[in-house]
Amino acid sequence: MESFLQQLIAGLATGGIYASVALALVMIYQTTHHVSFAQGEIAMFSTYLAWAMLQAGLPYWVAFFLTVVLSFTLGVLIERVIVRPVENAPVLSVVVVFIGLLVIFNSLAGWIFTYTIKTFPSPFPKQSGFAGNLISAHDLGAIGVTLTVVTLLWAFIRFTSLGLALRAVAQNPASSKLVGIRVGWILALGWGLASAIGAIAGMLAAPVVYLDPGMMSGILIYAFAAALIGGIDSPGGAVFGGFLVGVLENLLGTYVIGNELKLSVALVLIVGVLLVRPSGLFGRVQVKRV
């Protein structure tokens, strides 16, 4: 029973990371109606920036918040310089741009920081002092950071004028423009927030999976599954889906299929959701009159 509880709690901690990346995917999808395949690589590159700051001698939390700010700025620049010129292009062109971004950031990370696997420190102590041996301090901290980020984002979207504008643009960009909302900059804000959230997920994942240019590839697949389960247009659903995927991956990988086939859990979930309920558990069903 204790082993089961350990795997369950570890799954929740991993699910928090998936939830963060899924939330970033949903935020970009809400504003652009495209899935950013480069989101994992942007998070990975941001984590390398944090690692470089730590190597330069900055305290962990200073490097953490500086990385979040830099990642937000990077997301805004990507939307302004790269994504905006192709916003009205065919879907295939946008997909090619996102794949190009994935390759560019992966190659840049390898060129600048090399492909050698690096360790990344955890800001949390080795012992949690909570619930005995059931949960590590890093797992507990990852869950806490994820819930804090989700709560702050919910408060921002729900209670601020910028959050209201973000919701309006996600619902109807044309009408938002008519009432004076600067849709272009709101889209850039969405990209910035998504990049910042992805950076947080990368810094939480790096102490566990280690730091290398391919560290986020598997996490992105799990996050995509989480976003589909919760609803690709539902931020709350993405968070729920992230925790659910984390728990399922950990329990099935430990007790049913083994660690070697854990990634197949995400692939089965993706195919199953697309076949049974494409809108996800909390997503809106799109009905178009023809």
Protein backbone atom coordinates (compact mmCIF):
# COMPACT_ATOMS: atom_id res chain seq x y z
CA MET A 1 0.00 0.00 0.00
CA GLU A 2 2.83 2.40 0.82
CA SER A 3 4.43 1.70 -2.56
CA PHE A 4 1.13 2.46 -4.31
CA LEU A 5 0.79 5.76 -2.46
CA GLN A 6 4.37 6.68 -3.36
CA GLN A 7 3.69 6.05 -7.04
CA LEU A 8 0.41 7.95 -6.85
CA ILE A 9 2.02 11.04 -5.29
CA ALA A 10 5.00 10.86 -7.66
CA GLY A 11 2.49 10.72 -10.52
CA LEU A 12 0.83 13.88 -9.23
CA ALA A 13 4.21 15.63 -9.12
CA THR A 14 5.03 14.57 -12.67
CA GLY A 15 1.49 15.46 -13.67
CA GLY A 16 2.06 18.99 -12.40
CA ILE A 17 4.83 19.39 -14.98
CA TYR A 18 2.60 17.98 -17.71
CA ALA A 19 -0.18 20.30 -16.56
CA SER A 20 2.07 23.36 -16.90
CA VAL A 21 3.12 22.50 -20.45
CA ALA A 22 -0.46 21.55 -21.37
CA LEU A 23 -1.63 24.90 -20.02
CA ALA A 24 0.93 26.63 -22.27
CA LEU A 25 -0.33 24.66 -25.27
CA VAL A 26 -3.93 25.60 -24.49
CA MET A 27 -3.13 29.29 -24.08
CA ILE A 28 -1.54 29.43 -27.52
CA TYR A 29 -4.34 27.38 -29.06
CA GLN A 30 -6.99 29.65 -27.56
CA THR A 31 -5.49 32.75 -29.16
CA THR A 32 -4.21 31.33 -32.48
CA HIS A 33 -6.15 28.04 -32.93
CA HIS A 34 -2.86 26.31 -33.66
CA VAL A 35 -0.85 23.82 -31.59
CA SER A 36 2.70 25.01 -30.97
CA PHE A 37 4.95 22.00 -31.52
CA ALA A 38 7.90 24.17 -30.47
CA GLN A 39 6.59 24.77 -26.93
CA GLY A 40 8.72 22.04 -25.39
CA GLU A 41 11.90 23.25 -27.07
CA ILE A 42 11.27 26.84 -25.96
CA ALA A 43 10.89 25.54 -22.39
CA MET A 44 14.10 23.53 -22.75
CA PHE A 45 16.05 26.54 -24.06
CA SER A 46 14.73 28.66 -21.19
CA THR A 47 15.92 26.02 -18.74
CA TYR A 48 19.39 26.23 -20.25
CA LEU A 49 19.30 29.99 -19.67
CA ALA A 50 18.51 29.32 -16.01
CA TRP A 51 21.37 26.80 -15.84
CA ALA A 52 23.78 29.38 -17.30
CA MET A 53 22.73 31.93 -14.66
CA LEU A 54 23.26 29.39 -11.90
CA GLN A 55 26.70 28.59 -13.28
CA ALA A 56 27.45 32.32 -13.19
CA GLY A 57 26.78 32.31 -9.44
CA LEU A 58 23.26 33.74 -9.19
CA PRO A 59 21.02 32.38 -6.38
CA TYR A 60 18.46 29.84 -7.54
CA TRP A 61 15.32 31.94 -7.09
CA VAL A 62 16.93 35.00 -8.70
CA ALA A 63 17.80 32.85 -11.73
CA PHE A 64 14.31 31.34 -11.62
CA PHE A 65 12.45 34.64 -11.84
CA LEU A 66 14.90 36.14 -14.34
CA THR A 67 14.33 33.10 -16.55
CA VAL A 68 10.56 33.55 -16.32
CA VAL A 69 10.92 37.19 -17.40
CA LEU A 70 13.31 36.33 -20.24
CA SER A 71 11.02 33.51 -21.40
CA PHE A 72 8.03 35.85 -21.42
CA THR A 73 10.01 38.32 -23.53
CA LEU A 74 11.14 35.53 -25.85
CA GLY A 75 7.55 34.39 -26.34
CA VAL A 76 6.41 37.93 -27.21
CA LEU A 77 9.27 38.32 -29.71
CA ILE A 78 8.48 34.99 -31.36
CA GLU A 79 4.86 36.00 -31.85
CA ARG A 80 5.73 39.48 -33.13
CA VAL A 81 8.60 38.51 -35.45
CA ILE A 82 7.90 34.94 -36.60
CA VAL A 83 4.28 33.95 -35.99
CA ARG A 84 2.47 37.18 -36.81
CA PRO A 85 3.62 37.35 -40.48
CA VAL A 86 2.06 33.92 -41.12
CA GLU A 87 -1.10 34.27 -39.00
CA ASN A 88 -3.32 34.29 -42.11
CA ALA A 89 -1.28 31.72 -44.01
CA PRO A 90 -2.57 28.18 -44.70
CA VAL A 91 -2.48 25.78 -41.76
CA LEU A 92 0.32 23.73 -43.31
CA SER A 93 2.54 26.82 -43.52
CA VAL A 94 2.00 27.56 -39.82
CA VAL A 95 2.80 23.94 -38.94
CA VAL A 96 6.05 24.17 -40.90
CA VAL A 97 6.95 27.37 -39.00
CA PHE A 98 6.36 25.66 -35.65
CA ILE A 99 8.45 22.64 -36.68
CA GLY A 100 11.16 25.03 -37.85
CA LEU A 101 11.13 26.73 -34.44
CA LEU A 102 11.45 23.31 -32.77
CA VAL A 103 14.52 22.45 -34.85
CA ILE A 104 16.08 25.91 -34.41
CA PHE A 105 15.82 25.96 -30.60
CA ASN A 106 17.01 22.36 -30.32
CA SER A 107 20.02 23.07 -32.52
CA LEU A 108 20.79 26.37 -30.77
CA ALA A 109 20.80 24.66 -27.38
CA GLY A 110 23.17 21.96 -28.63
CA TRP A 111 25.44 24.49 -30.34
CA ILE A 112 25.65 26.90 -27.41
CA PHE A 113 25.54 24.52 -24.44
CA THR A 114 26.69 21.24 -26.14
CA TYR A 115 24.75 17.95 -26.09
CA THR A 116 26.40 16.72 -22.89
CA ILE A 117 23.82 15.81 -20.23
CA LYS A 118 23.97 18.24 -17.32
CA THR A 119 22.59 18.16 -13.80
CA PHE A 120 20.17 20.86 -12.72
CA PRO A 121 19.72 21.66 -9.02
CA SER A 122 16.45 21.46 -7.16
CA PRO A 123 15.61 24.40 -4.89
CA PHE A 124 13.98 22.08 -2.38
CA PRO A 125 15.76 20.14 0.40
CA LYS A 126 16.51 16.44 0.05
CA GLN A 127 14.04 15.50 2.80
CA SER A 128 10.49 16.81 2.70
CA GLY A 129 9.71 16.30 6.38
CA PHE A 130 6.16 15.57 5.28
CA ALA A 131 4.34 12.23 5.22
CA GLY A 132 7.45 10.21 5.96
CA ASN A 133 8.92 8.61 2.86
CA LEU A 134 5.76 8.94 0.76
CA ILE A 135 6.84 12.07 -1.09
CA SER A 136 10.15 13.74 -1.82
CA ALA A 137 10.70 17.41 -1.21
CA HIS A 138 11.07 18.06 -4.94
CA ASP A 139 7.81 16.29 -5.75
CA LEU A 140 6.01 18.24 -3.04
CA GLY A 141 7.56 21.48 -4.25
CA ALA A 142 6.67 20.75 -7.89
CA ILE A 143 3.02 20.22 -6.95
CA GLY A 144 3.02 23.41 -4.88
CA VAL A 145 4.65 25.52 -7.61
CA THR A 146 2.25 24.18 -10.24
CA LEU A 147 -0.82 24.94 -8.12
CA THR A 148 0.54 28.42 -7.35
CA VAL A 149 1.12 29.18 -11.05
CA VAL A 150 -2.35 27.92 -11.97
CA THR A 151 -3.97 30.00 -9.22
CA LEU A 152 -2.09 33.17 -10.22
CA LEU A 153 -2.95 32.66 -13.88
CA TRP A 154 -6.62 32.08 -13.05
CA ALA A 155 -6.70 35.26 -10.96
CA PHE A 156 -4.99 37.22 -13.74
CA ILE A 157 -7.44 36.04 -16.40
CA ARG A 158 -10.48 36.37 -14.16
CA PHE A 159 -9.91 39.70 -12.36
CA THR A 160 -7.71 41.93 -14.56
CA SER A 161 -8.53 44.01 -17.63
CA LEU A 162 -5.75 42.33 -19.59
CA GLY A 163 -7.17 38.95 -18.62
CA LEU A 164 -10.61 40.05 -19.81
CA ALA A 165 -9.09 41.17 -23.11
CA LEU A 166 -7.31 37.83 -23.42
CA ARG A 167 -10.61 35.98 -22.93
CA ALA A 168 -12.36 38.24 -25.42
CA VAL A 169 -9.73 37.69 -28.10
CA ALA A 170 -9.86 33.93 -27.52
CA GLN A 171 -13.64 34.00 -28.03
CA ASN A 172 -13.92 36.41 -30.96
CA PRO A 173 -10.90 38.30 -32.32
CA ALA A 174 -12.91 40.27 -34.89
CA SER A 175 -15.41 41.62 -32.37
CA SER A 176 -12.59 42.36 -29.92
CA LYS A 177 -10.89 44.52 -32.52
CA LEU A 178 -14.11 46.43 -33.11
CA VAL A 179 -14.36 47.43 -29.43
CA GLY A 180 -10.79 48.76 -29.37
CA ILE A 181 -8.78 45.80 -28.07
CA ARG A 182 -5.30 45.62 -29.61
CA VAL A 183 -5.64 42.03 -30.73
CA GLY A 184 -2.08 41.71 -32.00
CA TRP A 185 -0.51 42.61 -28.67
CA ILE A 186 -2.98 40.42 -26.76
CA LEU A 187 -1.88 37.49 -28.93
CA ALA A 188 1.73 38.36 -28.08
CA LEU A 189 0.75 38.42 -24.38
CA GLY A 190 -0.66 34.92 -24.72
CA TRP A 191 2.57 33.68 -26.28
CA GLY A 192 4.59 35.38 -23.56
CA LEU A 193 2.57 33.80 -20.76
CA ALA A 194 2.76 30.39 -22.43
CA SER A 195 6.54 30.64 -22.75
CA ALA A 196 6.91 31.72 -19.12
CA ILE A 197 4.76 28.81 -17.91
CA GLY A 198 6.76 26.43 -20.10
CA ALA A 199 9.99 27.72 -18.59
CA ILE A 200 8.69 26.97 -15.09
CA ALA A 201 7.80 23.44 -16.21
CA GLY A 202 11.28 22.98 -17.67
CA MET A 203 13.01 24.09 -14.47
CA LEU A 204 10.83 21.72 -12.43
CA ALA A 205 11.50 18.81 -14.80
CA ALA A 206 15.26 19.28 -15.22
CA PRO A 207 16.30 18.01 -11.74
CA VAL A 208 14.43 14.76 -12.51
CA VAL A 209 15.12 14.08 -16.21
CA TYR A 210 18.47 15.96 -16.33
CA LEU A 211 19.26 18.76 -18.73
CA ASP A 212 19.88 18.08 -22.41
CA PRO A 213 18.42 19.40 -25.68
CA GLY A 214 15.96 16.49 -25.94
CA MET A 215 14.68 16.66 -22.36
CA MET A 216 11.21 18.03 -23.23
CA SER A 217 10.34 15.84 -26.21
CA GLY A 218 8.60 13.12 -24.19
CA ILE A 219 7.09 15.65 -21.79
CA LEU A 220 5.52 17.51 -24.73
CA ILE A 221 3.77 14.33 -25.88
CA TYR A 222 2.36 13.72 -22.38
CA ALA A 223 1.32 17.38 -22.18
CA PHE A 224 -0.43 17.16 -25.55
CA ALA A 225 -2.33 14.12 -24.30
CA ALA A 226 -3.27 16.06 -21.16
CA ALA A 227 -4.51 19.03 -23.19
CA LEU A 228 -6.64 16.76 -25.38
CA ILE A 229 -8.13 14.94 -22.40
CA GLY A 230 -9.11 18.13 -20.61
CA GLY A 231 -10.06 20.00 -23.75
CA ILE A 232 -7.65 21.84 -26.02
CA ASP A 233 -9.57 25.08 -25.40
CA SER A 234 -9.99 24.62 -21.62
CA PRO A 235 -7.17 25.84 -19.31
CA GLY A 236 -8.74 24.16 -16.28
CA GLY A 237 -9.22 20.98 -18.27
CA ALA A 238 -5.55 21.01 -19.28
CA VAL A 239 -4.49 21.16 -15.63
CA PHE A 240 -6.83 18.30 -14.71
CA GLY A 241 -5.62 16.31 -17.71
CA GLY A 242 -1.98 16.87 -16.74
CA PHE A 243 -2.43 15.45 -13.26
CA LEU A 244 -4.51 12.55 -14.64
CA VAL A 245 -1.91 11.65 -17.27
CA GLY A 246 0.87 11.84 -14.68
CA VAL A 247 -0.91 9.43 -12.36
CA LEU A 248 -1.89 7.01 -15.16
CA GLU A 249 1.62 7.02 -16.61
CA ASN A 250 3.22 6.29 -13.25
CA LEU A 251 0.78 3.60 -12.10
CA LEU A 252 0.53 1.79 -15.43
CA GLY A 253 4.28 2.02 -16.00
CA THR A 254 5.01 0.58 -12.56
CA TYR A 255 2.36 -2.11 -12.20
CA VAL A 256 1.13 -3.01 -15.71
CA ILE A 257 3.30 -2.32 -18.77
CA GLY A 258 6.73 -1.46 -17.38
CA ASN A 259 8.80 1.70 -17.71
CA GLU A 260 9.94 0.86 -21.25
CA LEU A 261 6.41 1.31 -22.65
CA LYS A 262 5.32 4.29 -20.54
CA LEU A 263 5.25 6.64 -23.53
CA SER A 264 2.66 4.41 -25.17
CA VAL A 265 0.21 5.49 -22.45
CA ALA A 266 0.22 9.02 -23.86
CA LEU A 267 -0.14 7.81 -27.44
CA VAL A 268 -3.08 5.56 -26.56
CA LEU A 269 -4.75 8.42 -24.69
CA ILE A 270 -4.29 10.78 -27.65
CA VAL A 271 -5.81 8.33 -30.13
CA GLY A 272 -8.60 7.33 -27.73
CA VAL A 273 -9.67 10.90 -27.01
CA LEU A 274 -9.62 11.86 -30.70
CA LEU A 275 -11.80 8.86 -31.53
CA VAL A 276 -14.27 9.02 -28.63
CA ARG A 277 -14.49 12.67 -27.55
CA PRO A 278 -12.37 15.06 -29.66
CA SER A 279 -13.47 18.08 -27.61
CA GLY A 280 -12.09 16.55 -24.39
CA LEU A 281 -13.77 16.32 -21.00
CA PHE A 282 -14.18 20.08 -20.48
CA GLY A 283 -13.78 21.49 -23.99
CA ARG A 284 -16.53 23.12 -26.00
CA VAL A 285 -18.11 21.14 -28.80
CA GLN A 286 -17.81 23.19 -31.97
CA VAL A 287 -20.95 23.14 -34.12
CA LYS A 288 -20.85 24.74 -37.55
CA ARG A 289 -23.86 25.24 -39.79
CA VAL A 290 -23.24 24.27 -43.41
